[in-house]
Amino acid sequence: MISFLDFEKPIAELEARIAELRATADGSALDIDSEIGKLEKKSAGMLAATYAKLTPWQKTQVARHPQRPHMVDYLRLIFTDFVPLAGDRTYGEDAAIIGGLATLDGRKVMLIGHEKGHDTPSRIKHNFGSAKPEGYRKAIRLMQMASKFGLPVVTLVDTAGAFPGIEAEERGQAEAIARSTEACLALEVPMVAAILGEGGSGGAVAIAAANKVLMLEHSIYSVISPEGASSILWRTSDKAADAATAMKVTAQDLLALKVIDAIVPEPTGGAHRDPAVTARALADALCRELSVLAAYTPAEIVRQREDRFLAIGSR
């Protein structure tokens, strides 16, 4: 059962009507298939029309949809032979970041990504995708291992931001994020990052400073959440929709600004309506970028990545 967002209320009402008609048709002599067909066509049209003109704030809501696929879903759908590698060899394990060796369409890669969780127990386990210093130090360790063995790195980003708790600060959160970003930029192997849902602040950039950065169609990427920006600028979170528009958080805005390199299409209505189709589109995009980067020498890989980020904001 799909959960509907606030702006999808008219579609939800129509879907409820369709469900009622289906229930009426069960065991009934009435033939209402034609009526159901008309309503389904109307519902599909409303869905397509709604998603063709989403505002930045509505896209933010889609990016945070409780049923939106997360890293573990894409791991299951498009990667094989996954061997998890845990711990930072300094403090401990952080389940907010999952990493390990994997195969993507026959290509061996080092896979690293944020995991938010799907229900209360898993969200608590993965800390809602907000990593602590040990998570970023684990990412650094895995990137260095990938470089040593000549494996391309694929990162799947989905976090509202790094964990801001006292214990994280005590263990060097800012330093860990900075060193993880530095490790990305210094890699001599190809690196491709994909924003799955939310890409929030340094917690996202720490594993997204890649040769190529992709975004799913209805994901967001920003230096601060719209609510946080609203609280700073207007002293209230009620202006989050205005902040989302001003901040240019959408994939379409960021592609135009050349902050990202490509948009991965989602099914009409968002990735949660058909995770398998979304996963295949993501796999194709990742493979396409990795194939291009495979022709580069280590020095060219580093130079391309450096040039890419230095060019952001230039005219």
Protein backbone atom coordinates (compact mmCIF):
# COMPACT_ATOMS: atom_id res chain seq x y z
CA MET A 1 0.00 0.00 0.00
CA ILE A 2 1.52 3.29 -1.14
CA SER A 3 1.57 6.20 1.31
CA PHE A 4 0.37 9.41 -0.31
CA LEU A 5 1.95 12.79 0.33
CA ASP A 6 -0.12 15.88 1.13
CA PHE A 7 0.00 17.25 -2.41
CA GLU A 8 -1.15 13.85 -3.73
CA LYS A 9 -4.49 14.01 -1.86
CA PRO A 10 -6.69 14.23 -5.01
CA ILE A 11 -4.91 11.16 -6.40
CA ALA A 12 -5.32 9.36 -3.08
CA GLU A 13 -9.06 10.03 -3.11
CA LEU A 14 -9.36 8.67 -6.63
CA GLU A 15 -7.34 5.57 -5.74
CA ALA A 16 -9.60 5.01 -2.73
CA ARG A 17 -12.63 5.16 -5.01
CA ILE A 18 -11.03 2.60 -7.34
CA ALA A 19 -10.36 0.31 -4.38
CA GLU A 20 -13.99 0.61 -3.27
CA LEU A 21 -15.23 -0.31 -6.74
CA ARG A 22 -12.91 -3.32 -6.85
CA ALA A 23 -14.25 -4.48 -3.50
CA THR A 24 -17.81 -4.03 -4.77
CA ALA A 25 -17.04 -5.98 -7.92
CA ASP A 26 -15.78 -9.03 -5.99
CA GLY A 27 -18.54 -11.61 -6.00
CA SER A 28 -20.95 -9.20 -7.68
CA ALA A 29 -22.83 -9.71 -10.90
CA LEU A 30 -22.20 -6.08 -11.78
CA ASP A 31 -19.72 -5.39 -14.55
CA ILE A 32 -17.88 -2.25 -13.50
CA ASP A 33 -14.56 -2.98 -15.19
CA SER A 34 -15.09 -0.17 -17.68
CA GLU A 35 -15.72 2.33 -14.89
CA ILE A 36 -12.61 1.16 -13.03
CA GLY A 37 -10.62 1.47 -16.24
CA LYS A 38 -11.75 5.07 -16.73
CA LEU A 39 -10.85 5.98 -13.15
CA GLU A 40 -7.43 4.29 -13.43
CA LYS A 41 -6.72 6.25 -16.60
CA LYS A 42 -7.78 9.46 -14.88
CA SER A 43 -5.61 8.64 -11.84
CA ALA A 44 -2.57 7.95 -14.04
CA GLY A 45 -3.13 11.24 -15.85
CA MET A 46 -3.41 13.18 -12.60
CA LEU A 47 -0.24 11.54 -11.29
CA ALA A 48 1.73 12.38 -14.43
CA ALA A 49 0.45 15.96 -14.46
CA THR A 50 1.28 16.44 -10.76
CA TYR A 51 4.83 15.06 -11.03
CA ALA A 52 5.54 17.05 -14.20
CA LYS A 53 5.37 20.31 -12.22
CA LEU A 54 6.59 19.55 -8.71
CA THR A 55 7.88 22.49 -6.70
CA PRO A 56 11.28 22.20 -4.96
CA TRP A 57 9.49 21.68 -1.63
CA GLN A 58 7.33 18.92 -3.09
CA LYS A 59 10.45 17.26 -4.47
CA THR A 60 11.92 17.47 -0.97
CA GLN A 61 8.89 15.60 0.32
CA VAL A 62 9.29 12.93 -2.37
CA ALA A 63 13.00 12.60 -1.53
CA ARG A 64 11.99 11.91 2.08
CA HIS A 65 9.08 9.59 1.28
CA PRO A 66 8.92 6.84 3.95
CA GLN A 67 8.75 4.14 1.25
CA ARG A 68 11.53 5.55 -0.94
CA PRO A 69 14.17 2.90 -1.74
CA HIS A 70 17.41 3.18 0.23
CA MET A 71 20.91 1.86 -0.22
CA VAL A 72 20.09 -1.69 0.90
CA ASP A 73 17.35 -1.87 -1.72
CA TYR A 74 19.68 -0.89 -4.55
CA LEU A 75 22.31 -3.23 -3.14
CA ARG A 76 19.81 -6.08 -3.42
CA LEU A 77 18.49 -5.08 -6.85
CA ILE A 78 21.60 -4.23 -8.87
CA PHE A 79 24.70 -5.45 -7.05
CA THR A 80 25.88 -9.02 -6.54
CA ASP A 81 28.64 -10.82 -4.61
CA PHE A 82 28.55 -8.19 -1.87
CA VAL A 83 31.16 -8.70 0.85
CA PRO A 84 30.55 -6.24 3.72
CA LEU A 85 33.58 -4.67 5.33
CA ALA A 86 32.98 -3.13 8.77
CA GLY A 87 34.77 -0.92 11.26
CA ASP A 88 37.18 1.99 11.04
CA ARG A 89 40.05 0.17 12.85
CA THR A 90 40.14 3.07 15.30
CA TYR A 91 36.93 3.23 17.30
CA GLY A 92 34.24 0.90 16.01
CA GLU A 93 31.51 0.18 13.48
CA ASP A 94 28.94 2.71 12.25
CA ALA A 95 25.87 1.16 10.62
CA ALA A 96 24.85 4.52 9.11
CA ILE A 97 27.42 3.84 6.38
CA ILE A 98 27.51 0.44 4.69
CA GLY A 99 30.49 -0.55 2.57
CA GLY A 100 32.17 -3.49 0.95
CA LEU A 101 33.23 -5.25 -2.23
CA ALA A 102 30.51 -5.81 -4.82
CA THR A 103 29.89 -6.58 -8.48
CA LEU A 104 27.93 -4.26 -10.76
CA ASP A 105 27.04 -5.83 -14.12
CA GLY A 106 30.22 -7.91 -14.07
CA ARG A 107 32.44 -5.06 -12.87
CA LYS A 108 34.12 -5.34 -9.45
CA VAL A 109 33.66 -2.17 -7.40
CA MET A 110 34.03 -0.82 -3.88
CA LEU A 111 30.52 0.16 -2.79
CA ILE A 112 29.97 2.72 -0.01
CA GLY A 113 26.72 4.38 0.99
CA HIS A 114 24.41 5.80 3.63
CA GLU A 115 21.55 3.65 4.91
CA LYS A 116 18.54 5.27 6.59
CA GLY A 117 16.49 2.17 7.44
CA HIS A 118 12.84 1.38 6.65
CA ASP A 119 11.16 0.87 10.03
CA THR A 120 11.75 1.98 13.60
CA PRO A 121 14.28 -0.77 14.57
CA SER A 122 16.32 -0.40 11.36
CA ARG A 123 16.23 3.40 11.49
CA ILE A 124 17.57 3.32 15.02
CA LYS A 125 20.22 0.80 14.02
CA HIS A 126 21.37 2.93 11.08
CA ASN A 127 20.88 6.23 12.97
CA PHE A 128 18.57 7.48 10.20
CA GLY A 129 21.54 7.62 7.83
CA SER A 130 23.42 10.21 9.90
CA ALA A 131 26.98 8.95 10.19
CA LYS A 132 29.41 9.50 13.05
CA PRO A 133 33.18 9.96 12.66
CA GLU A 134 33.81 6.21 12.63
CA GLY A 135 31.49 5.92 9.62
CA TYR A 136 33.55 8.39 7.60
CA ARG A 137 36.80 6.81 8.78
CA LYS A 138 35.45 3.46 7.58
CA ALA A 139 34.70 5.09 4.21
CA ILE A 140 38.28 6.39 4.06
CA ARG A 141 39.63 2.92 4.82
CA LEU A 142 37.54 1.36 2.06
CA MET A 143 38.51 4.05 -0.47
CA GLN A 144 42.17 3.48 0.29
CA MET A 145 41.68 -0.26 -0.11
CA ALA A 146 39.97 0.31 -3.47
CA SER A 147 42.86 2.47 -4.62
CA LYS A 148 45.37 -0.18 -3.57
CA PHE A 149 43.63 -2.88 -5.60
CA GLY A 150 42.63 -0.71 -8.54
CA LEU A 151 38.87 -0.93 -7.95
CA PRO A 152 36.49 1.87 -8.96
CA VAL A 153 34.46 3.37 -6.13
CA VAL A 154 30.67 3.75 -6.24
CA THR A 155 28.98 5.76 -3.49
CA LEU A 156 25.24 5.98 -2.83
CA VAL A 157 24.40 9.11 -0.87
CA ASP A 158 21.24 9.41 1.23
CA THR A 159 21.58 11.45 4.41
CA ALA A 160 20.06 14.53 5.97
CA GLY A 161 23.57 15.26 7.26
CA ALA A 162 26.29 13.93 9.51
CA PHE A 163 25.29 13.17 13.12
CA PRO A 164 25.56 16.40 15.18
CA GLY A 165 25.62 14.81 18.64
CA ILE A 166 28.13 15.62 21.36
CA GLU A 167 29.80 12.21 21.18
CA ALA A 168 30.38 12.65 17.44
CA GLU A 169 31.98 16.03 18.02
CA GLU A 170 34.13 14.58 20.80
CA ARG A 171 35.43 11.93 18.40
CA GLY A 172 36.31 14.50 15.70
CA GLN A 173 33.31 14.72 13.38
CA ALA A 174 34.52 17.74 11.40
CA GLU A 175 38.01 16.28 10.98
CA ALA A 176 36.60 12.94 9.81
CA ILE A 177 34.36 14.62 7.23
CA ALA A 178 37.26 16.74 5.96
CA ARG A 179 39.58 13.75 5.65
CA SER A 180 36.91 11.71 3.89
CA THR A 181 36.40 14.51 1.37
CA GLU A 182 40.16 14.71 0.93
CA ALA A 183 40.33 10.94 0.38
CA CYS A 184 37.71 11.20 -2.36
CA LEU A 185 39.63 13.93 -4.16
CA ALA A 186 42.95 12.06 -3.90
CA LEU A 187 41.69 8.72 -5.26
CA GLU A 188 43.59 7.44 -8.29
CA VAL A 189 40.72 5.18 -9.32
CA PRO A 190 37.40 6.23 -10.89
CA MET A 191 34.71 7.34 -8.46
CA VAL A 192 31.02 7.84 -9.23
CA ALA A 193 28.52 9.11 -6.66
CA ALA A 194 24.72 9.00 -6.84
CA ILE A 195 22.31 10.99 -4.66
CA LEU A 196 19.42 8.61 -3.89
CA GLY A 197 17.18 10.79 -1.74
CA GLU A 198 18.68 13.49 0.45
CA GLY A 199 22.22 14.77 0.05
CA GLY A 200 22.67 16.94 3.10
CA SER A 201 25.69 19.17 3.79
CA GLY A 202 29.19 17.87 4.53
CA GLY A 203 27.76 14.52 5.56
CA ALA A 204 26.91 13.95 1.90
CA VAL A 205 29.92 15.67 0.29
CA ALA A 206 32.27 13.50 2.37
CA ILE A 207 31.52 10.54 0.10
CA ALA A 208 30.33 12.47 -2.97
CA ALA A 209 33.43 14.38 -4.10
CA ALA A 210 33.57 12.12 -7.14
CA ASN A 211 34.56 12.26 -10.81
CA LYS A 212 30.89 12.10 -11.72
CA VAL A 213 27.92 12.98 -9.51
CA LEU A 214 24.48 11.66 -10.45
CA MET A 215 21.11 12.45 -8.89
CA LEU A 216 17.84 10.57 -8.99
CA GLU A 217 15.14 12.73 -10.57
CA HIS A 218 13.33 13.58 -7.33
CA SER A 219 16.28 13.71 -4.95
CA ILE A 220 17.70 16.86 -3.34
CA TYR A 221 21.25 18.06 -2.63
CA SER A 222 22.03 21.05 -0.44
CA VAL A 223 24.36 22.61 2.13
CA ILE A 224 21.58 22.71 4.73
CA SER A 225 18.01 21.45 4.98
CA PRO A 226 15.23 23.82 3.80
CA GLU A 227 13.95 23.88 7.39
CA GLY A 228 17.40 24.81 8.69
CA ALA A 229 17.82 27.58 6.14
CA SER A 230 14.34 28.89 6.95
CA SER A 231 15.17 28.97 10.66
CA ILE A 232 18.33 30.98 9.99
CA LEU A 233 16.88 33.42 7.45
CA TRP A 234 13.37 33.94 8.80
CA ARG A 235 13.71 32.69 12.40
CA THR A 236 10.99 30.11 11.69
CA SER A 237 10.78 26.76 9.90
CA ASP A 238 7.46 27.78 8.32
CA LYS A 239 9.30 29.23 5.31
CA ALA A 240 10.91 25.91 4.36
CA ALA A 241 9.13 25.86 0.98
CA ASP A 242 10.52 29.29 0.13
CA ALA A 243 13.98 28.24 1.29
CA ALA A 244 13.88 25.10 -0.88
CA THR A 245 13.13 27.24 -3.94
CA ALA A 246 15.83 29.81 -3.17
CA MET A 247 18.47 27.17 -2.43
CA LYS A 248 18.15 25.38 -5.80
CA VAL A 249 18.07 21.95 -4.17
CA THR A 250 16.58 19.94 -7.04
CA ALA A 251 18.41 17.77 -9.54
CA GLN A 252 17.16 19.95 -12.40
CA ASP A 253 18.51 23.14 -10.80
CA LEU A 254 21.84 21.56 -9.92
CA LEU A 255 22.33 20.11 -13.40
CA ALA A 256 21.80 23.58 -14.85
CA LEU A 257 24.35 24.96 -12.37
CA LYS A 258 26.77 22.12 -13.31
CA VAL A 259 27.02 20.95 -9.71
CA ILE A 260 25.97 17.47 -10.87
CA ASP A 261 26.61 15.66 -14.14
CA ALA A 262 23.43 13.72 -14.91
CA ILE A 263 19.89 13.00 -13.74
CA VAL A 264 18.67 9.42 -13.38
CA PRO A 265 14.97 9.20 -14.31
CA GLU A 266 12.41 7.81 -11.86
CA PRO A 267 9.05 6.20 -12.64
CA THR A 268 6.07 8.56 -12.68
CA GLY A 269 5.19 9.14 -9.05
CA GLY A 270 8.67 8.58 -7.67
CA ALA A 271 11.13 5.74 -7.11
CA HIS A 272 8.96 4.18 -4.40
CA ARG A 273 6.30 3.27 -6.97
CA ASP A 274 8.67 0.97 -8.87
CA PRO A 275 12.05 0.42 -7.16
CA ALA A 276 13.13 -2.21 -9.71
CA VAL A 277 12.76 0.17 -12.66
CA THR A 278 14.59 2.91 -10.75
CA ALA A 279 17.37 0.51 -9.82
CA ARG A 280 17.88 -0.53 -13.44
CA ALA A 281 18.08 3.09 -14.56
CA LEU A 282 20.61 3.79 -11.81
CA ALA A 283 22.68 0.74 -12.75
CA ASP A 284 22.76 1.79 -16.40
CA ALA A 285 23.87 5.32 -15.44
CA LEU A 286 26.60 4.06 -13.10
CA CYS A 287 27.93 1.59 -15.67
CA ARG A 288 27.92 4.24 -18.38
CA GLU A 289 30.01 6.65 -16.30
CA LEU A 290 32.39 3.94 -15.09
CA SER A 291 32.99 2.76 -18.66
CA VAL A 292 34.02 6.26 -19.74
CA LEU A 293 36.30 6.76 -16.74
CA ALA A 294 37.95 3.36 -17.23
CA ALA A 295 39.92 4.78 -20.15
CA TYR A 296 41.59 7.42 -17.94
CA THR A 297 45.04 7.04 -16.37
CA PRO A 298 45.36 7.52 -12.58
CA ALA A 299 46.81 10.99 -13.11
CA GLU A 300 43.97 11.91 -15.48
CA ILE A 301 41.41 10.62 -12.97
CA VAL A 302 42.75 12.92 -10.24
CA ARG A 303 43.05 15.89 -12.61
CA GLN A 304 39.53 15.45 -14.00
CA ARG A 305 38.07 15.34 -10.50
CA GLU A 306 40.03 18.43 -9.44
CA ASP A 307 39.04 20.36 -12.57
CA ARG A 308 35.40 19.36 -12.13
CA PHE A 309 35.09 20.87 -8.67
CA LEU A 310 37.18 23.95 -9.39
CA ALA A 311 34.88 24.71 -12.33
CA ILE A 312 31.73 24.87 -10.18
CA GLY A 313 30.55 28.46 -9.93
CA SER A 314 32.90 29.75 -12.64
CA ARG A 315 31.57 31.53 -15.71
